[in-house]
Amino acid sequence: MRLEVLLAKQAEKDLERVPGYVASKLKAWVALILKVGLRETRAVKGYHDEPLHGDRAGQRSIRLSRSYRAFYRITQTGEVEIVLILEVNKHDY
């Protein structure tokens, strides 16, 4: 079964607004997932993939830069869905 990565409508809008280097890093993350799989990609320390808690329980985040995070979840069908891309500081989420 081939893993798919989906963009939620909000993530599509967010991707249009972020700097180019942030969009490039997200595309590289997606390409890595498609090449080696999610489990192996989570192990890449540069993305700081981590599970979230509270209002975002069930989602995970990756760091795209010091200021930008992408939030994703695994759907019931096993697809990776990027929910949103957000400019944050350490107190925002």
N, C-alpha and C. Protein backbone atom coordinates (compact mmCIF):
# COMPACT_ATOMS: atom_id res chain seq x y z
N MET A 1 0.84 -1.19 0.00
CA MET A 1 0.00 0.00 0.00
C MET A 1 0.87 1.25 0.00
N ARG A 2 0.62 2.14 -0.89
CA ARG A 2 1.39 3.38 -1.01
C ARG A 2 0.85 4.43 -0.06
N LEU A 3 1.72 5.02 0.72
CA LEU A 3 1.36 6.07 1.66
C LEU A 3 1.07 7.35 0.88
N GLU A 4 0.02 8.06 1.27
CA GLU A 4 -0.31 9.33 0.64
C GLU A 4 -0.20 10.45 1.64
N VAL A 5 0.18 11.62 1.15
CA VAL A 5 0.23 12.82 1.97
C VAL A 5 -0.76 13.80 1.38
N LEU A 6 -1.71 14.23 2.21
CA LEU A 6 -2.76 15.14 1.79
C LEU A 6 -2.58 16.51 2.43
N LEU A 7 -3.07 17.54 1.77
CA LEU A 7 -3.10 18.88 2.33
C LEU A 7 -4.53 19.27 2.62
N ALA A 8 -4.83 19.61 3.86
CA ALA A 8 -6.15 20.14 4.19
C ALA A 8 -6.29 21.51 3.53
N LYS A 9 -7.50 21.97 3.35
CA LYS A 9 -7.73 23.27 2.70
C LYS A 9 -6.99 24.39 3.40
N GLN A 10 -6.99 24.37 4.74
CA GLN A 10 -6.29 25.40 5.50
C GLN A 10 -4.79 25.34 5.23
N ALA A 11 -4.24 24.15 5.15
CA ALA A 11 -2.80 24.01 4.87
C ALA A 11 -2.46 24.52 3.47
N GLU A 12 -3.34 24.31 2.51
CA GLU A 12 -3.12 24.85 1.16
C GLU A 12 -3.04 26.37 1.20
N LYS A 13 -3.95 27.00 1.93
CA LYS A 13 -3.93 28.46 2.06
C LYS A 13 -2.67 28.92 2.77
N ASP A 14 -2.31 28.22 3.85
CA ASP A 14 -1.11 28.58 4.61
C ASP A 14 0.14 28.48 3.75
N LEU A 15 0.20 27.47 2.92
CA LEU A 15 1.37 27.23 2.08
C LEU A 15 1.59 28.38 1.09
N GLU A 16 0.52 29.04 0.68
CA GLU A 16 0.64 30.18 -0.23
C GLU A 16 1.23 31.39 0.47
N ARG A 17 1.13 31.45 1.79
CA ARG A 17 1.54 32.64 2.56
C ARG A 17 2.93 32.54 3.17
N VAL A 18 3.46 31.34 3.27
CA VAL A 18 4.74 31.17 3.97
C VAL A 18 5.92 31.50 3.03
N PRO A 19 7.06 31.84 3.61
CA PRO A 19 8.24 32.08 2.77
C PRO A 19 8.61 30.84 1.96
N GLY A 20 9.28 31.03 0.87
CA GLY A 20 9.64 29.94 -0.03
C GLY A 20 10.47 28.86 0.62
N TYR A 21 11.40 29.24 1.51
CA TYR A 21 12.24 28.23 2.15
C TYR A 21 11.43 27.32 3.06
N VAL A 22 10.35 27.83 3.63
CA VAL A 22 9.48 27.01 4.48
C VAL A 22 8.71 26.01 3.61
N ALA A 23 8.18 26.48 2.50
CA ALA A 23 7.46 25.60 1.58
C ALA A 23 8.41 24.52 1.04
N SER A 24 9.64 24.88 0.76
CA SER A 24 10.62 23.91 0.26
C SER A 24 10.92 22.84 1.30
N LYS A 25 11.04 23.24 2.55
CA LYS A 25 11.32 22.26 3.60
C LYS A 25 10.14 21.30 3.77
N LEU A 26 8.91 21.82 3.66
CA LEU A 26 7.75 20.95 3.74
C LEU A 26 7.72 19.96 2.58
N LYS A 27 8.03 20.44 1.38
CA LYS A 27 8.06 19.56 0.21
C LYS A 27 9.13 18.48 0.37
N ALA A 28 10.27 18.84 0.96
CA ALA A 28 11.34 17.86 1.20
C ALA A 28 10.87 16.81 2.21
N TRP A 29 10.13 17.24 3.24
CA TRP A 29 9.59 16.32 4.26
C TRP A 29 8.62 15.34 3.60
N VAL A 30 7.73 15.85 2.76
CA VAL A 30 6.76 15.00 2.06
C VAL A 30 7.50 14.01 1.16
N ALA A 31 8.49 14.48 0.43
CA ALA A 31 9.25 13.60 -0.46
C ALA A 31 9.94 12.50 0.33
N LEU A 32 10.46 12.84 1.50
CA LEU A 32 11.14 11.84 2.32
C LEU A 32 10.15 10.79 2.82
N ILE A 33 8.96 11.22 3.21
CA ILE A 33 7.92 10.27 3.64
C ILE A 33 7.60 9.30 2.50
N LEU A 34 7.42 9.84 1.31
CA LEU A 34 7.08 9.00 0.17
C LEU A 34 8.22 8.05 -0.20
N LYS A 35 9.44 8.46 0.07
CA LYS A 35 10.60 7.64 -0.28
C LYS A 35 10.89 6.56 0.76
N VAL A 36 10.93 6.94 2.05
CA VAL A 36 11.37 5.98 3.08
C VAL A 36 10.29 5.61 4.09
N GLY A 37 9.18 6.34 4.09
CA GLY A 37 8.09 6.04 5.02
C GLY A 37 8.04 6.99 6.20
N LEU A 38 6.92 7.02 6.86
CA LEU A 38 6.69 7.95 7.96
C LEU A 38 7.56 7.63 9.17
N ARG A 39 7.65 6.36 9.53
CA ARG A 39 8.43 5.99 10.72
C ARG A 39 9.88 6.44 10.59
N GLU A 40 10.48 6.19 9.45
CA GLU A 40 11.87 6.58 9.24
C GLU A 40 12.02 8.10 9.20
N THR A 41 11.04 8.78 8.63
CA THR A 41 11.09 10.24 8.55
C THR A 41 10.95 10.85 9.94
N ARG A 42 10.13 10.27 10.79
CA ARG A 42 10.00 10.78 12.16
C ARG A 42 11.33 10.74 12.91
N ALA A 43 12.21 9.84 12.54
CA ALA A 43 13.50 9.69 13.23
C ALA A 43 14.51 10.77 12.83
N VAL A 44 14.23 11.53 11.77
CA VAL A 44 15.14 12.59 11.34
C VAL A 44 15.06 13.73 12.35
N LYS A 45 16.15 13.96 13.05
CA LYS A 45 16.16 14.93 14.16
C LYS A 45 15.89 16.36 13.71
N GLY A 46 16.25 16.71 12.50
CA GLY A 46 16.07 18.08 12.02
C GLY A 46 14.62 18.53 11.96
N TYR A 47 13.69 17.59 11.90
CA TYR A 47 12.27 17.96 11.84
C TYR A 47 11.63 18.04 13.22
N HIS A 48 12.26 17.50 14.23
CA HIS A 48 11.72 17.54 15.60
C HIS A 48 10.26 17.09 15.63
N ASP A 49 9.97 15.98 15.00
CA ASP A 49 8.61 15.45 14.94
C ASP A 49 8.18 15.05 16.35
N GLU A 50 7.05 15.60 16.79
CA GLU A 50 6.60 15.30 18.15
C GLU A 50 5.08 15.26 18.23
N PRO A 51 4.56 14.41 19.11
CA PRO A 51 3.11 14.36 19.31
C PRO A 51 2.67 15.59 20.12
N LEU A 52 1.46 16.02 19.86
CA LEU A 52 0.92 17.19 20.57
C LEU A 52 -0.11 16.77 21.60
N HIS A 53 -0.40 17.67 22.50
CA HIS A 53 -1.32 17.40 23.61
C HIS A 53 -2.39 18.49 23.67
N GLY A 54 -3.29 18.35 24.59
CA GLY A 54 -4.33 19.36 24.79
C GLY A 54 -5.27 19.45 23.61
N ASP A 55 -5.51 20.68 23.15
CA ASP A 55 -6.43 20.91 22.03
C ASP A 55 -5.95 20.24 20.74
N ARG A 56 -4.68 19.95 20.64
CA ARG A 56 -4.12 19.35 19.44
C ARG A 56 -3.79 17.87 19.63
N ALA A 57 -4.36 17.25 20.64
CA ALA A 57 -4.13 15.81 20.87
C ALA A 57 -4.55 15.05 19.61
N GLY A 58 -3.75 14.08 19.23
CA GLY A 58 -4.01 13.33 18.01
C GLY A 58 -3.28 13.88 16.80
N GLN A 59 -2.67 15.05 16.96
CA GLN A 59 -1.87 15.64 15.89
C GLN A 59 -0.40 15.59 16.28
N ARG A 60 0.46 15.79 15.30
CA ARG A 60 1.89 15.87 15.52
C ARG A 60 2.39 17.15 14.85
N SER A 61 3.54 17.62 15.26
CA SER A 61 4.11 18.79 14.60
C SER A 61 5.53 18.49 14.15
N ILE A 62 5.91 19.21 13.10
CA ILE A 62 7.30 19.18 12.65
C ILE A 62 7.77 20.63 12.53
N ARG A 63 9.05 20.83 12.72
CA ARG A 63 9.64 22.16 12.59
C ARG A 63 10.12 22.36 11.16
N LEU A 64 9.63 23.41 10.57
CA LEU A 64 10.07 23.75 9.23
C LEU A 64 11.14 24.84 9.27
N SER A 65 11.16 25.57 10.36
CA SER A 65 12.19 26.58 10.63
C SER A 65 12.06 26.92 12.11
N ARG A 66 12.83 27.86 12.54
CA ARG A 66 12.74 28.28 13.95
C ARG A 66 11.34 28.82 14.26
N SER A 67 10.70 29.42 13.28
CA SER A 67 9.42 30.09 13.50
C SER A 67 8.20 29.38 12.93
N TYR A 68 8.40 28.40 12.07
CA TYR A 68 7.25 27.77 11.40
C TYR A 68 7.14 26.29 11.75
N ARG A 69 5.90 25.87 12.00
CA ARG A 69 5.60 24.47 12.27
C ARG A 69 4.50 24.01 11.31
N ALA A 70 4.56 22.75 10.97
CA ALA A 70 3.47 22.11 10.23
C ALA A 70 2.83 21.11 11.19
N PHE A 71 1.52 21.11 11.23
CA PHE A 71 0.77 20.19 12.07
C PHE A 71 0.12 19.15 11.17
N TYR A 72 0.25 17.89 11.54
CA TYR A 72 -0.34 16.84 10.73
C TYR A 72 -0.98 15.78 11.61
N ARG A 73 -1.80 14.97 10.96
CA ARG A 73 -2.45 13.85 11.65
C ARG A 73 -2.48 12.66 10.70
N ILE A 74 -2.70 11.52 11.26
CA ILE A 74 -2.87 10.31 10.47
C ILE A 74 -4.37 10.06 10.37
N THR A 75 -4.90 9.96 9.17
CA THR A 75 -6.33 9.75 8.98
C THR A 75 -6.71 8.30 9.31
N GLN A 76 -7.99 8.04 9.36
CA GLN A 76 -8.46 6.68 9.65
C GLN A 76 -8.05 5.70 8.56
N THR A 77 -7.81 6.21 7.36
CA THR A 77 -7.38 5.34 6.26
C THR A 77 -5.86 5.23 6.18
N GLY A 78 -5.15 5.85 7.13
CA GLY A 78 -3.70 5.73 7.20
C GLY A 78 -2.92 6.75 6.40
N GLU A 79 -3.59 7.75 5.86
CA GLU A 79 -2.91 8.79 5.11
C GLU A 79 -2.39 9.86 6.07
N VAL A 80 -1.35 10.55 5.65
CA VAL A 80 -0.82 11.68 6.41
C VAL A 80 -1.54 12.92 5.88
N GLU A 81 -2.20 13.65 6.78
CA GLU A 81 -2.89 14.88 6.36
C GLU A 81 -2.24 16.06 7.07
N ILE A 82 -1.67 16.97 6.28
CA ILE A 82 -1.11 18.18 6.83
C ILE A 82 -2.28 19.11 7.10
N VAL A 83 -2.48 19.44 8.36
CA VAL A 83 -3.66 20.19 8.78
C VAL A 83 -3.44 21.69 8.62
N LEU A 84 -2.30 22.21 9.07
CA LEU A 84 -2.01 23.61 8.91
C LEU A 84 -0.53 23.88 9.07
N ILE A 85 -0.12 25.04 8.59
CA ILE A 85 1.25 25.50 8.72
C ILE A 85 1.15 26.83 9.44
N LEU A 86 1.90 26.97 10.52
CA LEU A 86 1.70 28.11 11.40
C LEU A 86 3.01 28.74 11.80
N GLU A 87 3.02 30.07 11.84
CA GLU A 87 4.15 30.77 12.42
C GLU A 87 3.89 30.83 13.91
N VAL A 88 4.82 30.35 14.71
CA VAL A 88 4.60 30.22 16.14
C VAL A 88 5.79 30.74 16.93
N ASN A 89 5.53 30.98 18.21
CA ASN A 89 6.62 31.08 19.16
C ASN A 89 6.38 29.97 20.16
N LYS A 90 7.27 29.74 21.08
CA LYS A 90 7.17 28.57 21.93
C LYS A 90 5.92 28.56 22.82
N HIS A 91 5.22 29.65 22.91
CA HIS A 91 4.04 29.73 23.77
C HIS A 91 2.72 29.61 23.00
N ASP A 92 2.78 29.52 21.67
CA ASP A 92 1.57 29.51 20.86
C ASP A 92 0.85 28.17 20.81
N TYR A 93 1.55 27.06 21.03
CA TYR A 93 0.88 25.78 20.93
C TYR A 93 1.30 24.84 21.97
